[in-house]
């Protein structure tokens, strides 16, 4: 009997790499100069991950105080500079920006302000999902999907300033590094198409 159990255990271990190999792998696409031209006409959604943060100062668990930045992982000085340069690059590329939504965490709000100025809406439904239960994540994922999929009227682009885990929970993509911009085409009815992403250090090459 013991040998039978040993055989089943061995077979289970052998099957692990095969099962892992079948898991879908997210494939990143670089933002091209052609896509930049398309963004100038508007109608897209830009998802900006906040700037660089001080990982030695984590969010207070199980919850943070949205009115007290000292309970949250903070944006660093370099993080402010990174998202400021991203905002400048977007303007240099002549990409029109319309409505801007930000997560309520300080690192996102400060990133939105540094990149785009004071004209943005704080949306608590874009809260950082990494410290949430599966049930708590549902409304955040639903709101993120809604903002990525809803058609953008006029000739501007919608901007979301939020967090990498939120996209990971929604579509299996964790954008790196901090300050990365992800581009989507909204399809309506909860649908959207991922078109590409651009890291902060890649803007200079794209804008040549």
Foldseek 3Di string as FASTA:
>chain_A
DVVVVVVVVVVVVVCVVVVVVPDDDDDFDADALVNLVVLLQPWKEKEAEFFDWDPVQAAAPPDHDLVDLSNHTAQDPVRLVLLLLVLVLNVVSNRAADAEEEESHPRQQSSCCSNPNDRYHYDPLCHDPPSDDPVVLVSNLVVVLCLRADTDDDRHYYYYYHAQVSVCVNPNGRDDDHGKMWMWRHNPPSDIGTDHIDHSVCSVVNSD
